[in-house]
Amino acid sequence: MAEDVDAPALTHVGDLAALIAVAPASTVSRTVLRAEGVRVVLFAFDADQELSEHTAAVPVLLQVLDGRLRVGAGGASVDLGPGGLVHIAARVPHEVLALAPSRMVLTMLDPRARAR
């Protein structure tokens, strides 16, 4: 397979938290990185906002930047604070509830993904 000479060897995001803000009574998202094998999306939730149950076609990592989130998947749930991290396998139904105003990093792990 040919190497993609246009893909950068190093992709950098300086301060994830500075790229998204919590909006009143809302959930906000923003894709901040697309690179080989990965896509990174930031989410900001006001308290009591949620992502209802859904699935992802690829494995994901969820990491809390600040606030407090309840993440449920596969019949279990965990409350996460700043620095908390969970892995959810592909196609597992999951949901996210903000227990407080919160910001989260979603990392989608997809070996087919290409840099843009």
PDB file of N, CA and C in Angstrom:
ATOM      1  N   MET A   1       0.843  -1.174   0.000  1.00  0.00           N
ATOM      2  CA  MET A   1       0.000   0.000   0.000  1.00  0.00           C
ATOM      3  C   MET A   1       0.888   1.237   0.000  1.00  0.00           C
ATOM      4  N   ALA A   2       0.557   2.222  -0.792  1.00  0.00           N
ATOM      5  CA  ALA A   2       1.376   3.431  -0.912  1.00  0.00           C
ATOM      6  C   ALA A   2       1.212   4.319   0.308  1.00  0.00           C
ATOM      7  N   GLU A   3       2.292   4.968   0.700  1.00  0.00           N
ATOM      8  CA  GLU A   3       2.264   5.905   1.817  1.00  0.00           C
ATOM      9  C   GLU A   3       1.665   7.220   1.353  1.00  0.00           C
ATOM     10  N   ASP A   4       0.861   7.853   2.191  1.00  0.00           N
ATOM     11  CA  ASP A   4       0.248   9.141   1.872  1.00  0.00           C
ATOM     12  C   ASP A   4       1.258  10.238   2.183  1.00  0.00           C
ATOM     13  N   VAL A   5       1.914  10.768   1.166  1.00  0.00           N
ATOM     14  CA  VAL A   5       2.963  11.767   1.385  1.00  0.00           C
ATOM     15  C   VAL A   5       2.400  13.119   1.800  1.00  0.00           C
ATOM     16  N   ASP A   6       1.099  13.323   1.642  1.00  0.00           N
ATOM     17  CA  ASP A   6       0.491  14.589   2.028  1.00  0.00           C
ATOM     18  C   ASP A   6       0.087  14.630   3.499  1.00  0.00           C
ATOM     19  N   ALA A   7       0.028  13.486   4.170  1.00  0.00           N
ATOM     20  CA  ALA A   7      -0.381  13.440   5.576  1.00  0.00           C
ATOM     21  C   ALA A   7       0.760  13.943   6.453  1.00  0.00           C
ATOM     22  N   PRO A   8       0.469  14.877   7.367  1.00  0.00           N
ATOM     23  CA  PRO A   8       1.533  15.382   8.235  1.00  0.00           C
ATOM     24  C   PRO A   8       1.996  14.324   9.236  1.00  0.00           C
ATOM     25  N   ALA A   9       3.264  14.361   9.568  1.00  0.00           N
ATOM     26  CA  ALA A   9       3.816  13.427  10.546  1.00  0.00           C
ATOM     27  C   ALA A   9       3.415  13.820  11.961  1.00  0.00           C
ATOM     28  N   LEU A  10       3.150  15.089  12.175  1.00  0.00           N
ATOM     29  CA  LEU A  10       2.801  15.597  13.502  1.00  0.00           C
ATOM     30  C   LEU A  10       1.659  16.587  13.354  1.00  0.00           C
ATOM     31  N   THR A  11       0.565  16.326  14.060  1.00  0.00           N
ATOM     32  CA  THR A  11      -0.568  17.254  14.085  1.00  0.00           C
ATOM     33  C   THR A  11      -0.746  17.688  15.527  1.00  0.00           C
ATOM     34  N   HIS A  12      -0.913  18.980  15.751  1.00  0.00           N
ATOM     35  CA  HIS A  12      -0.890  19.530  17.110  1.00  0.00           C
ATOM     36  C   HIS A  12      -2.109  20.399  17.375  1.00  0.00           C
ATOM     37  N   VAL A  13      -2.700  20.237  18.555  1.00  0.00           N
ATOM     38  CA  VAL A  13      -3.740  21.131  19.059  1.00  0.00           C
ATOM     39  C   VAL A  13      -3.238  21.624  20.407  1.00  0.00           C
ATOM     40  N   GLY A  14      -3.059  22.925  20.547  1.00  0.00           N
ATOM     41  CA  GLY A  14      -2.414  23.484  21.729  1.00  0.00           C
ATOM     42  C   GLY A  14      -3.226  23.422  23.010  1.00  0.00           C
ATOM     43  N   ASP A  15      -4.501  23.764  22.975  1.00  0.00           N
ATOM     44  CA  ASP A  15      -5.311  23.845  24.189  1.00  0.00           C
ATOM     45  C   ASP A  15      -6.748  23.476  23.848  1.00  0.00           C
ATOM     46  N   LEU A  16      -7.101  22.224  24.056  1.00  0.00           N
ATOM     47  CA  LEU A  16      -8.439  21.753  23.712  1.00  0.00           C
ATOM     48  C   LEU A  16      -9.536  22.553  24.412  1.00  0.00           C
ATOM     49  N   ALA A  17      -9.375  22.798  25.686  1.00  0.00           N
ATOM     50  CA  ALA A  17     -10.418  23.472  26.462  1.00  0.00           C
ATOM     51  C   ALA A  17     -10.724  24.871  25.933  1.00  0.00           C
ATOM     52  N   ALA A  18      -9.745  25.523  25.340  1.00  0.00           N
ATOM     53  CA  ALA A  18      -9.949  26.883  24.825  1.00  0.00           C
ATOM     54  C   ALA A  18     -10.771  26.901  23.543  1.00  0.00           C
ATOM     55  N   LEU A  19     -11.000  25.752  22.936  1.00  0.00           N
ATOM     56  CA  LEU A  19     -11.667  25.694  21.640  1.00  0.00           C
ATOM     57  C   LEU A  19     -13.173  25.521  21.709  1.00  0.00           C
ATOM     58  N   ILE A  20     -13.715  25.366  22.927  1.00  0.00           N
ATOM     59  CA  ILE A  20     -15.163  25.178  23.044  1.00  0.00           C
ATOM     60  C   ILE A  20     -15.626  25.717  24.393  1.00  0.00           C
ATOM     61  N   ALA A  21     -16.837  26.278  24.401  1.00  0.00           N
ATOM     62  CA  ALA A  21     -17.403  26.833  25.639  1.00  0.00           C
ATOM     63  C   ALA A  21     -18.787  26.236  25.878  1.00  0.00           C
ATOM     64  N   VAL A  22     -19.156  26.145  27.130  1.00  0.00           N
ATOM     65  CA  VAL A  22     -20.495  25.688  27.504  1.00  0.00           C
ATOM     66  C   VAL A  22     -21.483  26.798  27.177  1.00  0.00           C
ATOM     67  N   ALA A  23     -22.576  26.446  26.515  1.00  0.00           N
ATOM     68  CA  ALA A  23     -23.648  27.387  26.193  1.00  0.00           C
ATOM     69  C   ALA A  23     -24.869  27.039  27.038  1.00  0.00           C
ATOM     70  N   PRO A  24     -25.603  28.048  27.514  1.00  0.00           N
ATOM     71  CA  PRO A  24     -26.772  27.790  28.362  1.00  0.00           C
ATOM     72  C   PRO A  24     -27.775  26.851  27.705  1.00  0.00           C
ATOM     73  N   ALA A  25     -28.211  25.850  28.457  1.00  0.00           N
ATOM     74  CA  ALA A  25     -29.249  24.896  28.043  1.00  0.00           C
ATOM     75  C   ALA A  25     -28.947  24.222  26.707  1.00  0.00           C
ATOM     76  N   SER A  26     -27.671  23.966  26.441  1.00  0.00           N
ATOM     77  CA  SER A  26     -27.293  23.418  25.133  1.00  0.00           C
ATOM     78  C   SER A  26     -26.194  22.366  25.232  1.00  0.00           C
ATOM     79  N   THR A  27     -26.071  21.604  24.150  1.00  0.00           N
ATOM     80  CA  THR A  27     -24.923  20.737  23.899  1.00  0.00           C
ATOM     81  C   THR A  27     -24.283  21.246  22.618  1.00  0.00           C
ATOM     82  N   VAL A  28     -22.994  21.507  22.679  1.00  0.00           N
ATOM     83  CA  VAL A  28     -22.250  22.053  21.539  1.00  0.00           C
ATOM     84  C   VAL A  28     -21.143  21.063  21.194  1.00  0.00           C
ATOM     85  N   SER A  29     -20.856  20.887  19.901  1.00  0.00           N
ATOM     86  CA  SER A  29     -19.746  20.021  19.505  1.00  0.00           C
ATOM     87  C   SER A  29     -18.935  20.692  18.404  1.00  0.00           C
ATOM     88  N   ARG A  30     -17.656  20.281  18.335  1.00  0.00           N
ATOM     89  CA  ARG A  30     -16.756  20.848  17.338  1.00  0.00           C
ATOM     90  C   ARG A  30     -15.641  19.847  17.047  1.00  0.00           C
ATOM     91  N   THR A  31     -15.482  19.486  15.783  1.00  0.00           N
ATOM     92  CA  THR A  31     -14.367  18.619  15.390  1.00  0.00           C
ATOM     93  C   THR A  31     -13.097  19.468  15.370  1.00  0.00           C
ATOM     94  N   VAL A  32     -12.072  19.000  16.084  1.00  0.00           N
ATOM     95  CA  VAL A  32     -10.835  19.777  16.187  1.00  0.00           C
ATOM     96  C   VAL A  32      -9.633  19.095  15.555  1.00  0.00           C
ATOM     97  N   LEU A  33      -9.775  17.816  15.194  1.00  0.00           N
ATOM     98  CA  LEU A  33      -8.645  17.129  14.584  1.00  0.00           C
ATOM     99  C   LEU A  33      -9.130  15.959  13.756  1.00  0.00           C
ATOM    100  N   ARG A  34      -8.608  15.872  12.556  1.00  0.00           N
ATOM    101  CA  ARG A  34      -8.799  14.697  11.695  1.00  0.00           C
ATOM    102  C   ARG A  34      -7.419  14.303  11.218  1.00  0.00           C
ATOM    103  N   ALA A  35      -7.033  13.101  11.540  1.00  0.00           N
ATOM    104  CA  ALA A  35      -5.713  12.608  11.163  1.00  0.00           C
ATOM    105  C   ALA A  35      -5.829  11.117  10.888  1.00  0.00           C
ATOM    106  N   GLU A  36      -4.755  10.529  10.420  1.00  0.00           N
ATOM    107  CA  GLU A  36      -4.765   9.114  10.094  1.00  0.00           C
ATOM    108  C   GLU A  36      -5.221   8.281  11.290  1.00  0.00           C
ATOM    109  N   GLY A  37      -6.318   7.561  11.134  1.00  0.00           N
ATOM    110  CA  GLY A  37      -6.802   6.646  12.157  1.00  0.00           C
ATOM    111  C   GLY A  37      -7.589   7.264  13.291  1.00  0.00           C
ATOM    112  N   VAL A  38      -7.829   8.578  13.255  1.00  0.00           N
ATOM    113  CA  VAL A  38      -8.478   9.216  14.401  1.00  0.00           C
ATOM    114  C   VAL A  38      -9.246  10.477  13.996  1.00  0.00           C
ATOM    115  N   ARG A  39     -10.324  10.710  14.735  1.00  0.00           N
ATOM    116  CA  ARG A  39     -11.033  11.991  14.656  1.00  0.00           C
ATOM    117  C   ARG A  39     -11.309  12.413  16.091  1.00  0.00           C
ATOM    118  N   VAL A  40     -11.052  13.675  16.413  1.00  0.00           N
ATOM    119  CA  VAL A  40     -11.248  14.187  17.766  1.00  0.00           C
ATOM    120  C   VAL A  40     -12.318  15.280  17.719  1.00  0.00           C
ATOM    121  N   VAL A  41     -13.346  15.096  18.569  1.00  0.00           N
ATOM    122  CA  VAL A  41     -14.464  16.031  18.628  1.00  0.00           C
ATOM    123  C   VAL A  41     -14.597  16.510  20.070  1.00  0.00           C
ATOM    124  N   LEU A  42     -14.718  17.820  20.256  1.00  0.00           N
ATOM    125  CA  LEU A  42     -14.981  18.387  21.578  1.00  0.00           C
ATOM    126  C   LEU A  42     -16.476  18.552  21.764  1.00  0.00           C
ATOM    127  N   PHE A  43     -16.936  18.316  22.985  1.00  0.00           N
ATOM    128  CA  PHE A  43     -18.327  18.549  23.358  1.00  0.00           C
ATOM    129  C   PHE A  43     -18.362  19.441  24.581  1.00  0.00           C
ATOM    130  N   ALA A  44     -19.334  20.335  24.627  1.00  0.00           N
ATOM    131  CA  ALA A  44     -19.608  21.136  25.810  1.00  0.00           C
ATOM    132  C   ALA A  44     -21.083  20.962  26.143  1.00  0.00           C
ATOM    133  N   PHE A  45     -21.358  20.635  27.391  1.00  0.00           N
ATOM    134  CA  PHE A  45     -22.729  20.383  27.853  1.00  0.00           C
ATOM    135  C   PHE A  45     -23.060  21.315  29.001  1.00  0.00           C
ATOM    136  N   ASP A  46     -24.222  21.925  28.968  1.00  0.00           N
ATOM    137  CA  ASP A  46     -24.716  22.578  30.169  1.00  0.00           C
ATOM    138  C   ASP A  46     -25.260  21.469  31.080  1.00  0.00           C
ATOM    139  N   ALA A  47     -25.451  21.771  32.343  1.00  0.00           N
ATOM    140  CA  ALA A  47     -25.978  20.785  33.289  1.00  0.00           C
ATOM    141  C   ALA A  47     -27.296  20.215  32.777  1.00  0.00           C
ATOM    142  N   ASP A  48     -27.469  18.917  32.938  1.00  0.00           N
ATOM    143  CA  ASP A  48     -28.675  18.173  32.564  1.00  0.00           C
ATOM    144  C   ASP A  48     -28.849  17.981  31.062  1.00  0.00           C
ATOM    145  N   GLN A  49     -27.894  18.411  30.262  1.00  0.00           N
ATOM    146  CA  GLN A  49     -27.941  18.125  28.824  1.00  0.00           C
ATOM    147  C   GLN A  49     -27.412  16.711  28.600  1.00  0.00           C
ATOM    148  N   GLU A  50     -27.821  16.095  27.499  1.00  0.00           N
ATOM    149  CA  GLU A  50     -27.405  14.715  27.285  1.00  0.00           C
ATOM    150  C   GLU A  50     -27.260  14.375  25.809  1.00  0.00           C
ATOM    151  N   LEU A  51     -26.505  13.325  25.575  1.00  0.00           N
ATOM    152  CA  LEU A  51     -26.508  12.638  24.291  1.00  0.00           C
ATOM    153  C   LEU A  51     -27.294  11.364  24.555  1.00  0.00           C
ATOM    154  N   SER A  52     -28.459  11.243  23.942  1.00  0.00           N
ATOM    155  CA  SER A  52     -29.290  10.066  24.188  1.00  0.00           C
ATOM    156  C   SER A  52     -28.610   8.832  23.601  1.00  0.00           C
ATOM    157  N   GLU A  53     -29.121   7.678  23.974  1.00  0.00           N
ATOM    158  CA  GLU A  53     -28.493   6.415  23.572  1.00  0.00           C
ATOM    159  C   GLU A  53     -28.290   6.353  22.058  1.00  0.00           C
ATOM    160  N   HIS A  54     -27.078   5.966  21.679  1.00  0.00           N
ATOM    161  CA  HIS A  54     -26.690   5.837  20.279  1.00  0.00           C
ATOM    162  C   HIS A  54     -25.521   4.865  20.198  1.00  0.00           C
ATOM    163  N   THR A  55     -25.083   4.552  18.991  1.00  0.00           N
ATOM    164  CA  THR A  55     -23.913   3.704  18.807  1.00  0.00           C
ATOM    165  C   THR A  55     -22.925   4.417  17.892  1.00  0.00           C
ATOM    166  N   ALA A  56     -21.693   3.948  17.921  1.00  0.00           N
ATOM    167  CA  ALA A  56     -20.657   4.426  17.006  1.00  0.00           C
ATOM    168  C   ALA A  56     -20.118   3.209  16.251  1.00  0.00           C
ATOM    169  N   ALA A  57     -19.814   3.389  15.000  1.00  0.00           N
ATOM    170  CA  ALA A  57     -19.322   2.285  14.173  1.00  0.00           C
ATOM    171  C   ALA A  57     -17.882   1.905  14.497  1.00  0.00           C
ATOM    172  N   VAL A  58     -17.201   2.755  15.286  1.00  0.00           N
ATOM    173  CA  VAL A  58     -15.794   2.525  15.643  1.00  0.00           C
ATOM    174  C   VAL A  58     -15.644   2.647  17.158  1.00  0.00           C
ATOM    175  N   PRO A  59     -14.575   2.110  17.727  1.00  0.00           N
ATOM    176  CA  PRO A  59     -14.333   2.298  19.158  1.00  0.00           C
ATOM    177  C   PRO A  59     -14.101   3.786  19.457  1.00  0.00           C
ATOM    178  N   VAL A  60     -14.489   4.205  20.666  1.00  0.00           N
ATOM    179  CA  VAL A  60     -14.306   5.605  21.065  1.00  0.00           C
ATOM    180  C   VAL A  60     -13.707   5.690  22.461  1.00  0.00           C
ATOM    181  N   LEU A  61     -13.031   6.808  22.695  1.00  0.00           N
ATOM    182  CA  LEU A  61     -12.567   7.189  24.024  1.00  0.00           C
ATOM    183  C   LEU A  61     -13.281   8.471  24.395  1.00  0.00           C
ATOM    184  N   LEU A  62     -13.794   8.550  25.625  1.00  0.00           N
ATOM    185  CA  LEU A  62     -14.396   9.775  26.146  1.00  0.00           C
ATOM    186  C   LEU A  62     -13.561  10.225  27.326  1.00  0.00           C
ATOM    187  N   GLN A  63     -13.125  11.487  27.314  1.00  0.00           N
ATOM    188  CA  GLN A  63     -12.335  12.024  28.422  1.00  0.00           C
ATOM    189  C   GLN A  63     -12.916  13.362  28.844  1.00  0.00           C
ATOM    190  N   VAL A  64     -13.111  13.526  30.146  1.00  0.00           N
ATOM    191  CA  VAL A  64     -13.677  14.755  30.687  1.00  0.00           C
ATOM    192  C   VAL A  64     -12.561  15.773  30.905  1.00  0.00           C
ATOM    193  N   LEU A  65     -12.768  16.978  30.351  1.00  0.00           N
ATOM    194  CA  LEU A  65     -11.834  18.086  30.587  1.00  0.00           C
ATOM    195  C   LEU A  65     -12.174  18.803  31.889  1.00  0.00           C
ATOM    196  N   ASP A  66     -13.473  19.081  32.054  1.00  0.00           N
ATOM    197  CA  ASP A  66     -13.937  19.695  33.296  1.00  0.00           C
ATOM    198  C   ASP A  66     -15.419  19.398  33.466  1.00  0.00           C
ATOM    199  N   GLY A  67     -15.904  19.549  34.685  1.00  0.00           N
ATOM    200  CA  GLY A  67     -17.295  19.238  34.985  1.00  0.00           C
ATOM    201  C   GLY A  67     -17.447  17.800  35.450  1.00  0.00           C
ATOM    202  N   ARG A  68     -18.641  17.259  35.252  1.00  0.00           N
ATOM    203  CA  ARG A  68     -18.943  15.895  35.695  1.00  0.00           C
ATOM    204  C   ARG A  68     -19.957  15.291  34.732  1.00  0.00           C
ATOM    205  N   LEU A  69     -19.634  14.096  34.211  1.00  0.00           N
ATOM    206  CA  LEU A  69     -20.504  13.397  33.266  1.00  0.00           C
ATOM    207  C   LEU A  69     -20.818  12.002  33.757  1.00  0.00           C
ATOM    208  N   ARG A  70     -22.018  11.539  33.463  1.00  0.00           N
ATOM    209  CA  ARG A  70     -22.385  10.140  33.685  1.00  0.00           C
ATOM    210  C   ARG A  70     -22.429   9.483  32.300  1.00  0.00           C
ATOM    211  N   VAL A  71     -21.618   8.447  32.131  1.00  0.00           N
ATOM    212  CA  VAL A  71     -21.538   7.732  30.863  1.00  0.00           C
ATOM    213  C   VAL A  71     -22.057   6.322  31.090  1.00  0.00           C
ATOM    214  N   GLY A  72     -23.020   5.924  30.276  1.00  0.00           N
ATOM    215  CA  GLY A  72     -23.573   4.588  30.367  1.00  0.00           C
ATOM    216  C   GLY A  72     -23.312   3.827  29.086  1.00  0.00           C
ATOM    217  N   ALA A  73     -22.981   2.544  29.230  1.00  0.00           N
ATOM    218  CA  ALA A  73     -22.757   1.687  28.064  1.00  0.00           C
ATOM    219  C   ALA A  73     -22.866   0.231  28.493  1.00  0.00           C
ATOM    220  N   GLY A  74     -23.492  -0.563  27.655  1.00  0.00           N
ATOM    221  CA  GLY A  74     -23.558  -2.000  27.907  1.00  0.00           C
ATOM    222  C   GLY A  74     -24.162  -2.368  29.246  1.00  0.00           C
ATOM    223  N   GLY A  75     -25.127  -1.595  29.737  1.00  0.00           N
ATOM    224  CA  GLY A  75     -25.786  -1.906  30.997  1.00  0.00           C
ATOM    225  C   GLY A  75     -25.069  -1.401  32.238  1.00  0.00           C
ATOM    226  N   ALA A  76     -23.919  -0.748  32.081  1.00  0.00           N
ATOM    227  CA  ALA A  76     -23.179  -0.192  33.217  1.00  0.00           C
ATOM    228  C   ALA A  76     -23.076   1.321  33.047  1.00  0.00           C
ATOM    229  N   SER A  77     -22.789   2.023  34.137  1.00  0.00           N
ATOM    230  CA  SER A  77     -22.552   3.463  34.035  1.00  0.00           C
ATOM    231  C   SER A  77     -21.452   3.861  35.014  1.00  0.00           C
ATOM    232  N   VAL A  78     -20.827   4.996  34.705  1.00  0.00           N
ATOM    233  CA  VAL A  78     -19.754   5.520  35.541  1.00  0.00           C
ATOM    234  C   VAL A  78     -19.861   7.039  35.545  1.00  0.00           C
ATOM    235  N   ASP A  79     -19.596   7.644  36.702  1.00  0.00           N
ATOM    236  CA  ASP A  79     -19.526   9.093  36.803  1.00  0.00           C
ATOM    237  C   ASP A  79     -18.072   9.494  36.657  1.00  0.00           C
ATOM    238  N   LEU A  80     -17.811  10.415  35.746  1.00  0.00           N
ATOM    239  CA  LEU A  80     -16.450  10.854  35.460  1.00  0.00           C
ATOM    240  C   LEU A  80     -16.272  12.322  35.780  1.00  0.00           C
ATOM    241  N   GLY A  81     -15.142  12.652  36.402  1.00  0.00           N
ATOM    242  CA  GLY A  81     -14.749  14.033  36.637  1.00  0.00           C
ATOM    243  C   GLY A  81     -13.555  14.365  35.766  1.00  0.00           C
ATOM    244  N   PRO A  82     -12.958  15.539  35.979  1.00  0.00           N
ATOM    245  CA  PRO A  82     -11.822  15.964  35.167  1.00  0.00           C
ATOM    246  C   PRO A  82     -10.718  14.908  35.132  1.00  0.00           C
ATOM    247  N   GLY A  83     -10.280  14.590  33.918  1.00  0.00           N
ATOM    248  CA  GLY A  83      -9.246  13.577  33.736  1.00  0.00           C
ATOM    249  C   GLY A  83      -9.794  12.176  33.593  1.00  0.00           C
ATOM    250  N   GLY A  84     -11.077  11.960  33.883  1.00  0.00           N
ATOM    251  CA  GLY A  84     -11.680  10.635  33.747  1.00  0.00           C
ATOM    252  C   GLY A  84     -11.756  10.223  32.291  1.00  0.00           C
ATOM    253  N   LEU A  85     -11.549   8.935  32.047  1.00  0.00           N
ATOM    254  CA  LEU A  85     -11.474   8.405  30.687  1.00  0.00           C
ATOM    255  C   LEU A  85     -12.202   7.068  30.611  1.00  0.00           C
ATOM    256  N   VAL A  86     -12.987   6.867  29.553  1.00  0.00           N
ATOM    257  CA  VAL A  86     -13.609   5.569  29.305  1.00  0.00           C
ATOM    258  C   VAL A  86     -13.413   5.176  27.851  1.00  0.00           C
ATOM    259  N   HIS A  87     -13.358   3.872  27.622  1.00  0.00           N
ATOM    260  CA  HIS A  87     -13.326   3.291  26.282  1.00  0.00           C
ATOM    261  C   HIS A  87     -14.653   2.595  26.058  1.00  0.00           C
ATOM    262  N   ILE A  88     -15.237   2.803  24.881  1.00  0.00           N
ATOM    263  CA  ILE A  88     -16.476   2.121  24.513  1.00  0.00           C
ATOM    264  C   ILE A  88     -16.223   1.423  23.176  1.00  0.00           C
ATOM    265  N   ALA A  89     -16.487   0.130  23.151  1.00  0.00           N
ATOM    266  CA  ALA A  89     -16.261  -0.660  21.939  1.00  0.00           C
ATOM    267  C   ALA A  89     -17.227  -0.248  20.827  1.00  0.00           C
ATOM    268  N   ALA A  90     -16.863  -0.560  19.604  1.00  0.00           N
ATOM    269  CA  ALA A  90     -17.702  -0.262  18.447  1.00  0.00           C
ATOM    270  C   ALA A  90     -19.071  -0.913  18.600  1.00  0.00           C
ATOM    271  N   ARG A  91     -20.077  -0.182  18.197  1.00  0.00           N
ATOM    272  CA  ARG A  91     -21.474  -0.646  18.116  1.00  0.00           C
ATOM    273  C   ARG A  91     -22.126  -0.947  19.464  1.00  0.00           C
ATOM    274  N   VAL A  92     -21.531  -0.519  20.554  1.00  0.00           N
ATOM    275  CA  VAL A  92     -22.144  -0.691  21.870  1.00  0.00           C
ATOM    276  C   VAL A  92     -23.027   0.537  22.145  1.00  0.00           C
ATOM    277  N   PRO A  93     -24.318   0.331  22.414  1.00  0.00           N
ATOM    278  CA  PRO A  93     -25.175   1.469  22.739  1.00  0.00           C
ATOM    279  C   PRO A  93     -24.646   2.193  23.988  1.00  0.00           C
ATOM    280  N   HIS A  94     -24.615   3.528  23.921  1.00  0.00           N
ATOM    281  CA  HIS A  94     -24.113   4.318  25.048  1.00  0.00           C
ATOM    282  C   HIS A  94     -24.793   5.684  25.075  1.00  0.00           C
ATOM    283  N   GLU A  95     -24.721   6.329  26.239  1.00  0.00           N
ATOM    284  CA  GLU A  95     -25.305   7.659  26.414  1.00  0.00           C
ATOM    285  C   GLU A  95     -24.447   8.458  27.380  1.00  0.00           C
ATOM    286  N   VAL A  96     -24.613   9.782  27.318  1.00  0.00           N
ATOM    287  CA  VAL A  96     -23.843  10.696  28.166  1.00  0.00           C
ATOM    288  C   VAL A  96     -24.802  11.711  28.765  1.00  0.00           C
ATOM    289  N   LEU A  97     -24.703  11.939  30.079  1.00  0.00           N
ATOM    290  CA  LEU A  97     -25.510  12.937  30.784  1.00  0.00           C
ATOM    291  C   LEU A  97     -24.572  13.857  31.546  1.00  0.00           C
ATOM    292  N   ALA A  98     -24.762  15.157  31.384  1.00  0.00           N
ATOM    293  CA  ALA A  98     -23.966  16.136  32.118  1.00  0.00           C
ATOM    294  C   ALA A  98     -24.580  16.356  33.499  1.00  0.00           C
ATOM    295  N   LEU A  99     -23.827  16.031  34.528  1.00  0.00           N
ATOM    296  CA  LEU A  99     -24.270  16.251  35.906  1.00  0.00           C
ATOM    297  C   LEU A  99     -23.983  17.677  36.347  1.00  0.00           C
ATOM    298  N   ALA A 100     -23.131  18.357  35.605  1.00  0.00           N
ATOM    299  CA  ALA A 100     -22.752  19.754  35.827  1.00  0.00           C
ATOM    300  C   ALA A 100     -22.302  20.299  34.479  1.00  0.00           C
ATOM    301  N   PRO A 101     -22.181  21.617  34.317  1.00  0.00           N
ATOM    302  CA  PRO A 101     -21.610  22.120  33.069  1.00  0.00           C
ATOM    303  C   PRO A 101     -20.258  21.432  32.837  1.00  0.00           C
ATOM    304  N   SER A 102     -20.055  20.909  31.628  1.00  0.00           N
ATOM    305  CA  SER A 102     -18.911  20.027  31.383  1.00  0.00           C
ATOM    306  C   SER A 102     -18.389  20.168  29.962  1.00  0.00           C
ATOM    307  N   ARG A 103     -17.102  19.839  29.816  1.00  0.00           N
ATOM    308  CA  ARG A 103     -16.488  19.734  28.487  1.00  0.00           C
ATOM    309  C   ARG A 103     -15.801  18.380  28.393  1.00  0.00           C
ATOM    310  N   MET A 104     -15.918  17.756  27.208  1.00  0.00           N
ATOM    311  CA  MET A 104     -15.465  16.390  26.994  1.00  0.00           C
ATOM    312  C   MET A 104     -14.749  16.286  25.658  1.00  0.00           C
ATOM    313  N   VAL A 105     -13.763  15.398  25.605  1.00  0.00           N
ATOM    314  CA  VAL A 105     -13.076  15.063  24.359  1.00  0.00           C
ATOM    315  C   VAL A 105     -13.553  13.682  23.921  1.00  0.00           C
ATOM    316  N   LEU A 106     -14.038  13.593  22.696  1.00  0.00           N
ATOM    317  CA  LEU A 106     -14.409  12.321  22.084  1.00  0.00           C
ATOM    318  C   LEU A 106     -13.339  11.996  21.052  1.00  0.00           C
ATOM    319  N   THR A 107     -12.699  10.841  21.200  1.00  0.00           N
ATOM    320  CA  THR A 107     -11.707  10.386  20.234  1.00  0.00           C
ATOM    321  C   THR A 107     -12.258   9.152  19.544  1.00  0.00           C
ATOM    322  N   MET A 108     -12.465   9.261  18.244  1.00  0.00           N
ATOM    323  CA  MET A 108     -12.982   8.146  17.453  1.00  0.00           C
ATOM    324  C   MET A 108     -11.793   7.451  16.801  1.00  0.00           C
ATOM    325  N   LEU A 109     -11.649   6.159  17.081  1.00  0.00           N
ATOM    326  CA  LEU A 109     -10.511   5.383  16.620  1.00  0.00           C
ATOM    327  C   LEU A 109     -10.904   4.592  15.377  1.00  0.00           C
ATOM    328  N   ASP A 110     -10.498   5.057  14.225  1.00  0.00           N
ATOM    329  CA  ASP A 110     -10.900   4.430  12.976  1.00  0.00           C
ATOM    330  C   ASP A 110      -9.687   4.251  12.076  1.00  0.00           C
ATOM    331  N   PRO A 111      -9.220   3.014  11.937  1.00  0.00           N
ATOM    332  CA  PRO A 111      -8.019   2.793  11.117  1.00  0.00           C
ATOM    333  C   PRO A 111      -8.207   3.176   9.661  1.00  0.00           C
ATOM    334  N   ARG A 112      -9.449   3.337   9.228  1.00  0.00           N
ATOM    335  CA  ARG A 112      -9.709   3.742   7.835  1.00  0.00           C
ATOM    336  C   ARG A 112      -9.662   5.248   7.648  1.00  0.00           C
ATOM    337  N   ALA A 113      -9.718   6.010   8.764  1.00  0.00           N
ATOM    338  CA  ALA A 113      -9.760   7.472   8.687  1.00  0.00           C
ATOM    339  C   ALA A 113      -8.458   8.016   8.111  1.00  0.00           C
ATOM    340  N   ARG A 114      -8.593   9.041   7.290  1.00  0.00           N
ATOM    341  CA  ARG A 114      -7.443   9.677   6.663  1.00  0.00           C
ATOM    342  C   ARG A 114      -7.390  11.138   7.080  1.00  0.00           C
ATOM    343  N   ALA A 115      -6.232  11.695   7.088  1.00  0.00           N
ATOM    344  CA  ALA A 115      -6.056  13.113   7.432  1.00  0.00           C
ATOM    345  C   ALA A 115      -6.738  13.981   6.391  1.00  0.00           C
ATOM    346  N   ARG A 116      -7.205  15.140   6.834  1.00  0.00           N
ATOM    347  CA  ARG A 116      -7.805  16.110   5.907  1.00  0.00           C
ATOM    348  C   ARG A 116      -7.135  17.435   6.083  1.00  0.00           C
TER     349      ARG A 116
END
